[in-house]
N, C-alpha and C. Protein backbone atom coordinates (compact mmCIF):
# COMPACT_ATOMS: atom_id res chain seq x y z
N MET A 1 -168.15 224.89 91.24
CA MET A 1 -169.49 225.20 90.79
C MET A 1 -169.48 226.56 90.08
N LEU A 2 -170.09 226.61 88.92
CA LEU A 2 -170.13 227.83 88.13
C LEU A 2 -171.34 228.67 88.50
N ASP A 3 -171.15 230.00 88.55
CA ASP A 3 -172.31 230.85 88.75
C ASP A 3 -173.00 231.03 87.40
N ALA A 4 -174.13 231.70 87.39
CA ALA A 4 -174.95 231.82 86.18
C ALA A 4 -174.19 232.51 85.04
N GLU A 5 -173.42 233.54 85.38
CA GLU A 5 -172.67 234.26 84.35
C GLU A 5 -171.57 233.38 83.75
N GLN A 6 -170.87 232.64 84.59
CA GLN A 6 -169.82 231.74 84.11
C GLN A 6 -170.41 230.61 83.27
N GLU A 7 -171.57 230.13 83.70
CA GLU A 7 -172.23 229.06 82.95
C GLU A 7 -172.63 229.53 81.56
N GLU A 8 -173.17 230.74 81.46
CA GLU A 8 -173.55 231.29 80.16
C GLU A 8 -172.32 231.49 79.27
N ALA A 9 -171.24 231.99 79.86
CA ALA A 9 -170.01 232.20 79.10
C ALA A 9 -169.46 230.86 78.60
N THR A 10 -169.55 229.84 79.44
CA THR A 10 -169.07 228.51 79.06
C THR A 10 -169.93 227.94 77.94
N LYS A 11 -171.23 228.12 78.03
CA LYS A 11 -172.13 227.63 76.97
C LYS A 11 -171.85 228.33 75.64
N LEU A 12 -171.60 229.63 75.71
CA LEU A 12 -171.28 230.39 74.49
C LEU A 12 -169.97 229.90 73.89
N LYS A 13 -168.97 229.70 74.73
CA LYS A 13 -167.67 229.21 74.25
C LYS A 13 -167.84 227.82 73.64
N LEU A 14 -168.65 226.96 74.27
CA LEU A 14 -168.92 225.62 73.73
C LEU A 14 -169.54 225.71 72.35
N HIS A 15 -170.47 226.61 72.19
CA HIS A 15 -171.13 226.78 70.90
C HIS A 15 -170.11 227.18 69.83
N GLU A 16 -169.26 228.13 70.17
CA GLU A 16 -168.23 228.59 69.23
C GLU A 16 -167.27 227.47 68.86
N LEU A 17 -166.86 226.70 69.86
CA LEU A 17 -165.92 225.59 69.61
C LEU A 17 -166.56 224.51 68.75
N ARG A 18 -167.83 224.24 68.99
CA ARG A 18 -168.53 223.23 68.18
C ARG A 18 -168.64 223.69 66.73
N LEU A 19 -168.91 224.97 66.53
CA LEU A 19 -168.96 225.51 65.17
C LEU A 19 -167.62 225.36 64.47
N GLU A 20 -166.55 225.73 65.17
CA GLU A 20 -165.22 225.60 64.58
C GLU A 20 -164.90 224.13 64.28
N HIS A 21 -165.27 223.25 65.19
CA HIS A 21 -165.04 221.81 65.01
C HIS A 21 -165.77 221.32 63.76
N ASN A 22 -167.02 221.73 63.60
CA ASN A 22 -167.79 221.32 62.42
C ASN A 22 -167.22 221.92 61.14
N ASP A 23 -166.78 223.17 61.21
CA ASP A 23 -166.16 223.80 60.04
C ASP A 23 -164.89 223.06 59.63
N LEU A 24 -164.09 222.69 60.60
CA LEU A 24 -162.88 221.93 60.30
C LEU A 24 -163.21 220.58 59.67
N ASP A 25 -164.25 219.96 60.16
CA ASP A 25 -164.69 218.68 59.60
C ASP A 25 -165.03 218.83 58.12
N THR A 26 -165.72 219.90 57.79
CA THR A 26 -166.10 220.17 56.40
C THR A 26 -164.85 220.42 55.54
N VAL A 27 -163.93 221.22 56.05
CA VAL A 27 -162.71 221.52 55.29
C VAL A 27 -161.88 220.26 55.08
N ILE A 28 -161.75 219.46 56.12
CA ILE A 28 -160.98 218.22 56.02
C ILE A 28 -161.60 217.29 54.99
N ASP A 29 -162.92 217.17 55.00
CA ASP A 29 -163.60 216.33 54.01
C ASP A 29 -163.35 216.82 52.58
N LYS A 30 -163.41 218.13 52.39
CA LYS A 30 -163.17 218.69 51.05
C LYS A 30 -161.74 218.45 50.61
N LEU A 31 -160.80 218.65 51.52
CA LEU A 31 -159.39 218.42 51.18
C LEU A 31 -159.13 216.95 50.84
N ALA A 32 -159.77 216.07 51.58
CA ALA A 32 -159.56 214.63 51.37
C ALA A 32 -160.05 214.20 50.00
N LYS A 33 -161.00 214.91 49.44
CA LYS A 33 -161.56 214.55 48.13
C LYS A 33 -160.73 215.08 46.96
N GLU A 34 -159.75 215.92 47.26
CA GLU A 34 -158.89 216.45 46.20
C GLU A 34 -157.97 215.35 45.67
N SER A 35 -157.52 215.52 44.45
CA SER A 35 -156.63 214.54 43.83
C SER A 35 -155.32 214.41 44.60
N PHE A 36 -154.75 215.53 44.96
CA PHE A 36 -153.49 215.54 45.70
C PHE A 36 -153.62 216.46 46.91
N PRO A 37 -154.24 215.96 47.97
CA PRO A 37 -154.44 216.82 49.14
C PRO A 37 -153.11 217.17 49.81
N ASP A 38 -153.07 218.33 50.41
CA ASP A 38 -151.90 218.78 51.15
C ASP A 38 -151.86 218.02 52.49
N GLU A 39 -150.98 217.04 52.57
CA GLU A 39 -150.93 216.17 53.75
C GLU A 39 -150.55 216.92 55.02
N LEU A 40 -149.63 217.87 54.90
CA LEU A 40 -149.23 218.64 56.07
C LEU A 40 -150.41 219.46 56.60
N LEU A 41 -151.13 220.10 55.70
CA LEU A 41 -152.31 220.87 56.09
C LEU A 41 -153.36 219.95 56.72
N MET A 42 -153.56 218.79 56.13
CA MET A 42 -154.54 217.83 56.67
C MET A 42 -154.17 217.44 58.11
N ARG A 43 -152.88 217.16 58.34
CA ARG A 43 -152.45 216.78 59.69
C ARG A 43 -152.67 217.91 60.68
N ARG A 44 -152.36 219.13 60.25
CA ARG A 44 -152.56 220.29 61.14
C ARG A 44 -154.04 220.50 61.46
N LEU A 45 -154.88 220.38 60.45
CA LEU A 45 -156.32 220.55 60.68
C LEU A 45 -156.88 219.46 61.58
N LYS A 46 -156.43 218.24 61.37
CA LYS A 46 -156.90 217.12 62.21
C LYS A 46 -156.43 217.29 63.64
N LYS A 47 -155.20 217.76 63.81
CA LYS A 47 -154.68 218.00 65.16
C LYS A 47 -155.50 219.08 65.85
N ARG A 48 -155.80 220.17 65.14
CA ARG A 48 -156.61 221.24 65.71
C ARG A 48 -158.01 220.73 66.06
N LYS A 49 -158.55 219.88 65.20
CA LYS A 49 -159.89 219.32 65.45
C LYS A 49 -159.88 218.48 66.73
N LEU A 50 -158.83 217.70 66.94
CA LEU A 50 -158.72 216.91 68.17
C LEU A 50 -158.56 217.80 69.40
N GLN A 51 -157.79 218.88 69.26
CA GLN A 51 -157.65 219.82 70.37
C GLN A 51 -158.99 220.44 70.73
N LEU A 52 -159.75 220.80 69.72
CA LEU A 52 -161.08 221.36 69.96
C LEU A 52 -161.98 220.36 70.67
N LYS A 53 -161.94 219.11 70.21
CA LYS A 53 -162.78 218.07 70.83
C LYS A 53 -162.43 217.92 72.30
N ASP A 54 -161.13 217.90 72.62
CA ASP A 54 -160.71 217.78 74.02
C ASP A 54 -161.21 218.96 74.85
N LEU A 55 -161.13 220.14 74.29
CA LEU A 55 -161.59 221.33 75.00
C LEU A 55 -163.11 221.31 75.17
N ILE A 56 -163.82 220.86 74.15
CA ILE A 56 -165.28 220.74 74.23
C ILE A 56 -165.67 219.80 75.36
N VAL A 57 -165.03 218.65 75.43
CA VAL A 57 -165.33 217.67 76.48
C VAL A 57 -165.04 218.27 77.86
N LYS A 58 -163.93 218.97 77.98
CA LYS A 58 -163.56 219.59 79.26
C LYS A 58 -164.61 220.61 79.69
N LEU A 59 -165.07 221.45 78.76
CA LEU A 59 -166.07 222.46 79.09
C LEU A 59 -167.43 221.82 79.40
N GLU A 60 -167.77 220.77 78.66
CA GLU A 60 -169.03 220.06 78.95
C GLU A 60 -169.00 219.48 80.35
N GLN A 61 -167.87 218.94 80.75
CA GLN A 61 -167.76 218.39 82.10
C GLN A 61 -167.84 219.47 83.16
N ALA A 62 -167.36 220.67 82.83
CA ALA A 62 -167.44 221.79 83.78
C ALA A 62 -168.89 222.21 84.01
N LEU A 63 -169.75 221.96 83.03
CA LEU A 63 -171.16 222.33 83.16
C LEU A 63 -171.96 221.32 83.98
N ILE A 64 -171.44 220.12 84.12
CA ILE A 64 -172.13 219.08 84.87
C ILE A 64 -171.89 219.32 86.36
N PRO A 65 -172.93 219.48 87.14
CA PRO A 65 -172.73 219.74 88.57
C PRO A 65 -172.15 218.52 89.28
N ASP A 66 -171.28 218.79 90.23
CA ASP A 66 -170.71 217.72 91.03
C ASP A 66 -171.79 217.13 91.93
N ILE A 67 -171.86 215.83 91.95
CA ILE A 67 -172.84 215.14 92.79
C ILE A 67 -172.06 214.42 93.89
N LEU A 68 -172.36 214.78 95.11
CA LEU A 68 -171.68 214.13 96.23
C LEU A 68 -172.23 212.73 96.42
N ALA A 69 -171.34 211.77 96.53
CA ALA A 69 -171.76 210.38 96.71
C ALA A 69 -171.99 210.08 98.16
């Protein structure tokens, strides 16, 4: 269970990660529209985007309180 300070820090980190994820999405879209996109760069950006998504999901789950069954 996160205390209020940890929860706020997690929410801030989530916001930052979502911004980076969206920025990467924009860059990837622009690169894909180029005549000869840099495939290595595209793969690296997509990999980073997936890493961010995994981290976002992990942090979102940390914010959900455990419910005892």
